[in-house]
N, C-alpha and C. Protein backbone atom coordinates (compact mmCIF):
# COMPACT_ATOMS: atom_id res chain seq x y z
N MET A 1 -9.05 23.80 -3.95
CA MET A 1 -9.29 22.91 -3.54
C MET A 1 -7.57 22.40 -4.36
N SER A 2 -7.33 22.75 -4.67
CA SER A 2 -5.64 22.92 -5.58
C SER A 2 -4.85 22.62 -4.01
N THR A 3 -5.11 23.63 -3.14
CA THR A 3 -4.39 24.10 -1.95
C THR A 3 -4.23 22.39 -1.06
N PHE A 4 -5.24 21.90 -1.34
CA PHE A 4 -5.89 20.36 -0.20
C PHE A 4 -4.76 19.54 -1.04
N PHE A 5 -4.88 19.41 -2.27
CA PHE A 5 -4.04 18.64 -3.20
C PHE A 5 -2.16 18.72 -3.08
N LYS A 6 -1.96 19.67 -2.90
CA LYS A 6 -0.59 20.00 -2.98
C LYS A 6 -0.23 20.18 -1.33
N ALA A 7 -1.35 20.20 -0.49
CA ALA A 7 -0.67 19.63 1.25
C ALA A 7 -0.53 18.12 1.44
N CYS A 8 -1.50 17.43 0.54
CA CYS A 8 -1.42 16.24 0.67
C CYS A 8 -0.58 15.23 -0.24
N GLY A 9 -0.03 16.24 -1.25
CA GLY A 9 1.38 15.70 -1.97
C GLY A 9 2.97 16.05 -1.47
N THR A 10 2.43 17.39 -0.57
CA THR A 10 3.71 17.38 0.06
C THR A 10 3.98 16.19 1.59
N ALA A 11 2.72 15.97 2.21
CA ALA A 11 2.72 14.90 3.07
C ALA A 11 3.26 13.71 2.29
N VAL A 12 2.74 13.25 1.59
CA VAL A 12 3.34 11.79 0.70
C VAL A 12 4.56 11.77 0.38
N ILE A 13 5.61 12.95 -0.10
CA ILE A 13 6.38 12.69 -0.26
C ILE A 13 7.31 13.47 1.16
N CYS A 14 6.88 13.77 1.86
CA CYS A 14 7.73 13.75 3.31
C CYS A 14 7.62 12.66 4.14
N LEU A 15 6.79 11.79 4.11
CA LEU A 15 6.32 10.41 4.52
C LEU A 15 7.55 9.67 3.69
N VAL A 16 7.96 9.76 2.61
CA VAL A 16 8.55 8.82 1.90
C VAL A 16 9.83 9.56 1.86
N CYS A 17 10.32 10.27 2.17
CA CYS A 17 11.80 10.88 2.59
C CYS A 17 12.00 10.11 4.42
N SER A 18 10.78 10.60 4.35
CA SER A 18 11.51 10.14 6.08
C SER A 18 11.33 8.72 6.53
N VAL A 19 10.53 7.83 5.66
CA VAL A 19 11.14 6.19 6.03
C VAL A 19 11.93 5.53 5.12
N MET A 20 12.38 7.15 4.27
CA MET A 20 14.25 6.19 3.55
C MET A 20 14.77 6.98 4.78
N LEU A 21 14.88 7.42 5.10
CA LEU A 21 15.97 8.25 5.90
C LEU A 21 15.91 7.77 7.60
N LYS A 22 14.91 6.99 7.68
CA LYS A 22 14.90 6.58 9.46
C LYS A 22 15.59 5.05 9.19
N LYS A 23 15.70 4.65 7.73
CA LYS A 23 16.99 3.71 7.95
C LYS A 23 18.24 3.66 8.32
N TYR A 24 18.40 4.82 7.39
CA TYR A 24 20.15 5.20 7.69
C TYR A 24 20.42 6.25 8.76
N ARG A 25 19.58 7.51 8.96
CA ARG A 25 19.82 8.47 9.69
C ARG A 25 18.65 8.65 10.58
N PRO A 26 18.35 8.30 11.43
CA PRO A 26 16.74 8.36 12.39
C PRO A 26 16.60 9.99 12.78
N GLU A 27 18.22 10.24 13.13
CA GLU A 27 17.31 11.74 13.88
C GLU A 27 17.50 12.63 12.81
N TYR A 28 17.74 12.26 10.99
CA TYR A 28 17.08 12.95 10.24
C TYR A 28 15.59 13.07 9.61
N ALA A 29 14.81 11.99 9.99
CA ALA A 29 13.70 11.41 9.77
C ALA A 29 12.56 12.02 10.56
N ALA A 30 13.10 12.60 11.37
CA ALA A 30 12.49 13.41 12.71
C ALA A 30 12.31 15.03 12.07
N LEU A 31 13.50 15.56 11.58
CA LEU A 31 13.74 16.74 11.33
C LEU A 31 12.92 17.14 10.07
N THR A 32 12.78 16.07 8.98
CA THR A 32 11.77 15.85 8.24
C THR A 32 10.68 16.43 7.67
N GLN A 33 9.93 15.00 8.55
CA GLN A 33 9.09 15.77 9.27
C GLN A 33 8.54 16.96 9.79
N ALA A 34 9.13 17.12 10.74
CA ALA A 34 8.98 18.61 11.34
C ALA A 34 9.18 19.41 9.81
N ALA A 35 10.22 19.41 9.04
CA ALA A 35 9.94 20.42 7.65
C ALA A 35 8.76 20.40 7.02
N GLY A 36 8.41 19.20 6.93
CA GLY A 36 6.81 19.06 6.44
C GLY A 36 5.75 19.53 6.66
N ALA A 37 6.09 19.67 8.24
CA ALA A 37 4.44 19.87 8.98
C ALA A 37 4.55 21.48 8.34
N ILE A 38 5.73 21.84 8.55
CA ILE A 38 6.20 23.44 8.35
C ILE A 38 5.50 23.69 6.93
N CYS A 39 5.78 22.91 6.27
CA CYS A 39 5.28 23.24 4.87
C CYS A 39 4.61 22.99 4.40
N ILE A 40 3.51 22.12 5.08
CA ILE A 40 1.70 22.26 4.94
C ILE A 40 0.65 23.28 5.64
N LEU A 41 1.72 23.50 6.97
CA LEU A 41 1.35 24.59 7.33
C LEU A 41 1.30 25.87 6.48
N LEU A 42 2.07 26.37 5.95
CA LEU A 42 2.60 27.27 5.39
C LEU A 42 1.59 27.21 4.11
N LEU A 43 1.58 26.04 3.45
CA LEU A 43 0.66 26.55 2.59
C LEU A 43 -0.86 26.52 2.38
N ILE A 44 -1.25 25.30 3.87
CA ILE A 44 -2.74 26.21 4.60
C ILE A 44 -2.96 27.33 5.09
N LEU A 45 -2.35 28.11 5.31
CA LEU A 45 -2.31 29.30 5.76
C LEU A 45 -2.93 30.20 5.33
N PRO A 46 -3.84 30.75 3.88
CA PRO A 46 -3.89 31.39 3.78
C PRO A 46 -5.52 31.05 3.74
N LEU A 47 -5.50 29.99 3.62
CA LEU A 47 -7.23 29.21 4.10
C LEU A 47 -7.65 29.53 5.42
N PHE A 48 -6.35 29.71 6.49
CA PHE A 48 -6.91 30.22 7.65
C PHE A 48 -7.70 31.97 7.69
N ALA A 49 -6.60 32.42 7.12
CA ALA A 49 -6.77 33.80 6.51
C ALA A 49 -8.33 34.02 6.10
N SER A 50 -8.51 33.13 5.11
CA SER A 50 -10.00 33.43 4.55
C SER A 50 -11.35 33.39 5.63
N ALA A 51 -10.91 32.30 6.07
CA ALA A 51 -12.12 31.61 7.22
C ALA A 51 -12.05 32.43 8.62
N ALA A 52 -11.20 33.16 8.69
CA ALA A 52 -10.82 34.27 9.75
C ALA A 52 -11.88 35.88 9.37
N GLN A 53 -11.77 35.99 8.15
CA GLN A 53 -12.63 36.88 7.49
C GLN A 53 -13.85 36.77 7.69
N VAL A 54 -14.34 35.43 7.61
CA VAL A 54 -15.86 35.19 7.26
C VAL A 54 -16.49 35.19 8.33
N LEU A 55 -15.61 34.76 9.45
CA LEU A 55 -16.07 34.75 11.29
C LEU A 55 -16.00 35.86 11.62
N ASN A 56 -14.97 36.59 10.74
CA ASN A 56 -14.79 38.09 12.09
C ASN A 56 -16.27 38.93 11.23
N GLY A 57 -16.67 38.51 9.90
CA GLY A 57 -17.76 38.92 9.44
C GLY A 57 -19.09 38.65 10.59
N PHE A 58 -18.71 37.40 10.61
CA PHE A 58 -19.61 37.19 12.00
C PHE A 58 -19.87 37.98 13.33
N THR A 59 -18.60 37.92 13.31
CA THR A 59 -18.86 38.65 15.03
C THR A 59 -18.89 40.27 14.93
N GLN A 60 -18.98 41.15 13.88
CA GLN A 60 -19.22 42.55 13.66
C GLN A 60 -20.93 42.71 13.84
N HIS A 61 -21.70 41.85 14.20
CA HIS A 61 -22.96 41.40 13.93
C HIS A 61 -22.90 41.56 15.55
N LEU A 62 -22.47 41.09 16.50
CA LEU A 62 -22.81 40.63 17.85
C LEU A 62 -21.67 41.92 18.85
N GLY A 63 -22.32 41.86 19.94
CA GLY A 63 -21.44 43.40 20.76
C GLY A 63 -20.11 42.98 20.97
N GLN A 64 -19.73 41.93 21.68
CA GLN A 64 -18.68 41.45 22.11
C GLN A 64 -17.95 40.29 21.41
N GLY A 65 -18.13 40.20 20.00
CA GLY A 65 -17.85 38.93 18.96
C GLY A 65 -16.61 39.48 18.86
N GLU A 66 -15.54 40.43 18.77
CA GLU A 66 -14.63 40.20 18.50
C GLU A 66 -13.58 39.53 19.33
N GLU A 67 -13.75 40.25 20.86
CA GLU A 67 -13.20 39.70 21.57
C GLU A 67 -13.14 38.42 21.70
N TYR A 68 -13.98 37.76 21.51
CA TYR A 68 -14.39 36.20 22.11
C TYR A 68 -13.20 35.72 20.52
N PHE A 69 -13.83 35.94 19.51
CA PHE A 69 -13.02 35.80 17.83
C PHE A 69 -11.42 35.53 18.43
N ALA A 70 -10.99 36.67 19.13
CA ALA A 70 -9.59 36.87 19.46
C ALA A 70 -9.40 35.34 20.27
N LEU A 71 -10.34 35.37 20.91
CA LEU A 71 -9.80 34.31 22.27
C LEU A 71 -9.89 32.86 21.61
N PHE A 72 -10.68 32.87 21.06
CA PHE A 72 -11.18 31.03 20.30
C PHE A 72 -10.07 31.43 19.32
N ALA A 73 -9.62 32.08 18.43
CA ALA A 73 -8.73 31.87 17.15
C ALA A 73 -7.00 31.97 18.40
N LYS A 74 -7.09 32.14 19.86
CA LYS A 74 -5.84 31.60 20.50
C LYS A 74 -5.91 30.15 20.97
N ALA A 75 -7.13 30.05 21.17
CA ALA A 75 -7.50 28.95 22.02
C ALA A 75 -6.99 27.25 20.67
N CYS A 76 -7.85 28.09 19.69
CA CYS A 76 -7.37 27.58 18.32
C CYS A 76 -5.68 26.96 18.00
N ALA A 77 -5.28 28.34 18.37
CA ALA A 77 -3.74 27.65 17.78
C ALA A 77 -2.79 27.10 18.65
N ALA A 78 -3.15 27.95 20.23
CA ALA A 78 -2.49 26.41 21.34
C ALA A 78 -2.95 25.38 21.21
N ALA A 79 -3.94 24.55 20.45
CA ALA A 79 -4.48 23.43 20.27
C ALA A 79 -3.88 22.69 19.52
N CYS A 80 -3.70 23.27 18.49
CA CYS A 80 -3.27 22.92 17.04
C CYS A 80 -1.36 22.72 17.59
N ILE A 81 -0.84 23.78 18.18
CA ILE A 81 0.17 23.46 17.80
C ILE A 81 0.64 22.19 19.15
N SER A 82 -0.21 22.52 20.31
CA SER A 82 0.41 21.38 21.45
C SER A 82 -0.01 19.86 20.78
N SER A 83 -1.02 19.91 19.78
CA SER A 83 -1.18 18.62 19.22
C SER A 83 0.46 18.15 18.06
N LEU A 84 0.86 19.59 17.51
CA LEU A 84 1.46 19.23 16.52
C LEU A 84 3.36 18.82 16.85
N ILE A 85 3.07 19.21 18.37
CA ILE A 85 4.16 19.09 19.01
C ILE A 85 4.18 17.90 19.52
N ALA A 86 2.97 17.41 20.15
CA ALA A 86 3.01 16.31 20.29
C ALA A 86 2.79 14.80 19.58
N CYS A 87 2.59 15.06 18.55
CA CYS A 87 2.87 14.28 17.31
C CYS A 87 4.29 13.80 16.80
N GLU A 88 4.99 14.97 17.05
CA GLU A 88 7.04 14.37 16.81
C GLU A 88 6.76 14.14 17.66
N CYS A 89 6.79 14.43 19.21
CA CYS A 89 7.22 14.21 19.83
C CYS A 89 7.24 12.35 20.01
N ARG A 90 5.63 11.52 19.38
CA ARG A 90 5.28 10.72 19.79
C ARG A 90 5.89 9.63 18.50
N ASP A 91 6.03 10.73 17.50
CA ASP A 91 7.44 10.06 16.56
C ASP A 91 8.68 9.71 16.68
N THR A 92 9.00 10.67 17.73
CA THR A 92 10.47 10.17 18.00
C THR A 92 10.68 9.69 18.93
N GLY A 93 9.50 8.54 19.50
CA GLY A 93 9.31 7.26 20.77
C GLY A 93 9.30 8.32 21.89
N ASN A 94 9.14 9.50 22.16
CA ASN A 94 9.14 10.24 23.52
C ASN A 94 7.84 10.24 24.07
N GLY A 95 6.97 9.48 24.17
CA GLY A 95 5.54 9.17 24.46
C GLY A 95 5.10 10.18 25.85
N MET A 96 5.99 10.13 26.73
CA MET A 96 5.81 11.10 28.02
C MET A 96 6.17 12.89 27.57
N LEU A 97 6.82 13.16 26.93
CA LEU A 97 7.30 14.57 26.43
C LEU A 97 5.71 15.26 25.79
N ALA A 98 5.03 13.84 24.73
CA ALA A 98 4.02 14.11 24.19
C ALA A 98 2.86 14.21 24.95
N GLU A 99 3.01 13.19 25.88
CA GLU A 99 1.28 13.74 27.26
C GLU A 99 1.92 14.91 27.78
N ILE A 100 3.04 15.16 27.95
CA ILE A 100 3.03 16.41 28.71
C ILE A 100 2.71 17.67 27.59
N SER A 101 2.96 17.92 26.33
CA SER A 101 2.76 18.65 25.63
C SER A 101 1.16 19.03 25.30
N MET A 102 0.38 17.74 24.97
CA MET A 102 -0.68 17.40 25.28
C MET A 102 -1.51 18.84 26.50
N LEU A 103 -0.97 18.26 27.92
CA LEU A 103 -1.17 18.82 28.60
C LEU A 103 -0.96 20.22 28.71
N MET A 104 0.12 20.70 28.32
CA MET A 104 0.36 21.93 28.54
C MET A 104 -0.74 22.71 27.61
N GLY A 105 -1.00 22.24 26.39
CA GLY A 105 -2.03 22.40 25.53
C GLY A 105 -3.65 22.59 25.95
N LYS A 106 -3.68 21.57 26.55
CA LYS A 106 -4.96 21.38 27.15
C LYS A 106 -5.09 22.98 28.61
N ILE A 107 -4.03 23.11 29.70
CA ILE A 107 -3.49 23.87 30.16
C ILE A 107 -4.18 25.52 29.39
N CYS A 108 -3.33 25.79 28.45
CA CYS A 108 -3.62 26.80 28.12
C CYS A 108 -4.71 27.30 27.72
N VAL A 109 -5.60 26.46 26.70
CA VAL A 109 -6.98 26.84 26.59
C VAL A 109 -7.50 27.23 27.65
N ILE A 110 -7.11 26.49 28.97
CA ILE A 110 -8.32 26.78 29.76
C ILE A 110 -7.72 28.26 30.41
N ILE A 111 -6.64 28.39 30.27
CA ILE A 111 -6.19 29.65 30.61
C ILE A 111 -6.46 31.12 29.67
N ILE A 112 -6.62 30.36 28.52
CA ILE A 112 -7.61 31.85 27.42
C ILE A 112 -8.56 31.41 27.50
N GLY A 113 -9.43 30.88 27.83
CA GLY A 113 -10.49 30.97 28.43
C GLY A 113 -11.11 31.52 29.32
N LEU A 114 -10.38 31.41 30.18
CA LEU A 114 -10.78 32.30 31.55
C LEU A 114 -11.44 33.36 31.54
N PRO A 115 -11.50 34.31 30.65
CA PRO A 115 -12.49 35.76 30.52
C PRO A 115 -13.81 35.17 29.97
N MET A 116 -13.27 34.64 29.47
CA MET A 116 -15.10 34.14 28.89
C MET A 116 -16.14 33.24 29.86
N ILE A 117 -15.26 32.58 30.71
CA ILE A 117 -15.84 31.43 31.77
C ILE A 117 -16.05 32.98 32.49
N LYS A 118 -15.26 33.76 33.13
CA LYS A 118 -15.99 34.91 33.66
C LYS A 118 -16.96 35.54 33.43
N THR A 119 -17.23 35.80 32.41
CA THR A 119 -18.27 36.72 31.94
C THR A 119 -19.37 35.58 31.83
N VAL A 120 -19.44 34.81 31.62
CA VAL A 120 -20.53 33.79 31.68
C VAL A 120 -20.96 33.41 33.18
N LEU A 121 -20.53 33.67 33.87
CA LEU A 121 -20.68 33.13 35.44
C LEU A 121 -21.12 34.30 35.74
N SER A 122 -20.54 35.50 35.64
CA SER A 122 -21.07 37.27 36.08
C SER A 122 -22.40 37.52 35.58
N ALA A 123 -22.88 36.50 34.21
CA ALA A 123 -24.44 36.57 33.45
C ALA A 123 -25.08 35.44 33.87
N ILE A 124 -24.74 35.00 34.11
CA ILE A 124 -25.68 34.11 35.63
C ILE A 124 -26.07 34.58 36.72
N ILE A 125 -25.00 35.04 37.08
CA ILE A 125 -25.26 35.65 38.88
C ILE A 125 -25.98 36.36 38.73
N SER A 126 -26.10 37.23 37.54
CA SER A 126 -26.78 39.30 37.23
C SER A 126 -28.55 38.21 36.90
N MET A 127 -28.03 37.23 36.06
CA MET A 127 -29.35 36.69 36.23
C MET A 127 -30.51 36.01 37.42
N LEU A 128 -29.50 35.54 38.37
CA LEU A 128 -30.18 35.17 39.44
C LEU A 128 -30.23 36.16 40.50
N ASP A 129 -29.64 37.07 40.50
CA ASP A 129 -30.56 38.53 41.37
C ASP A 129 -31.26 38.39 40.85
């Protein structure tokens, strides 16, 4: 729970600095936001590691679960990164670049999920035969 409060405090400090910088140096405001986002991600990174261990325990009970867990983790990372990039682009006034970043993330998630879709389709085909 203390990690949550640290992340919230970092976000508030980053917000105040960004608002103050936006008046005088708008180009530094975006950099401040990006630095704050990186700091918050570094703060919550250990939480992802503990969640991954729990999910890895679940996948050990499944036969092919480890492969799917890796795909799931990659898809989540692609979605989070593209969303973060899109938010930064919107904050700097680049709406079109933000939409392209979100589209890139969606395409990456689809590409990452293709092996899983292939497995599901082959299972359906084998059941129909």
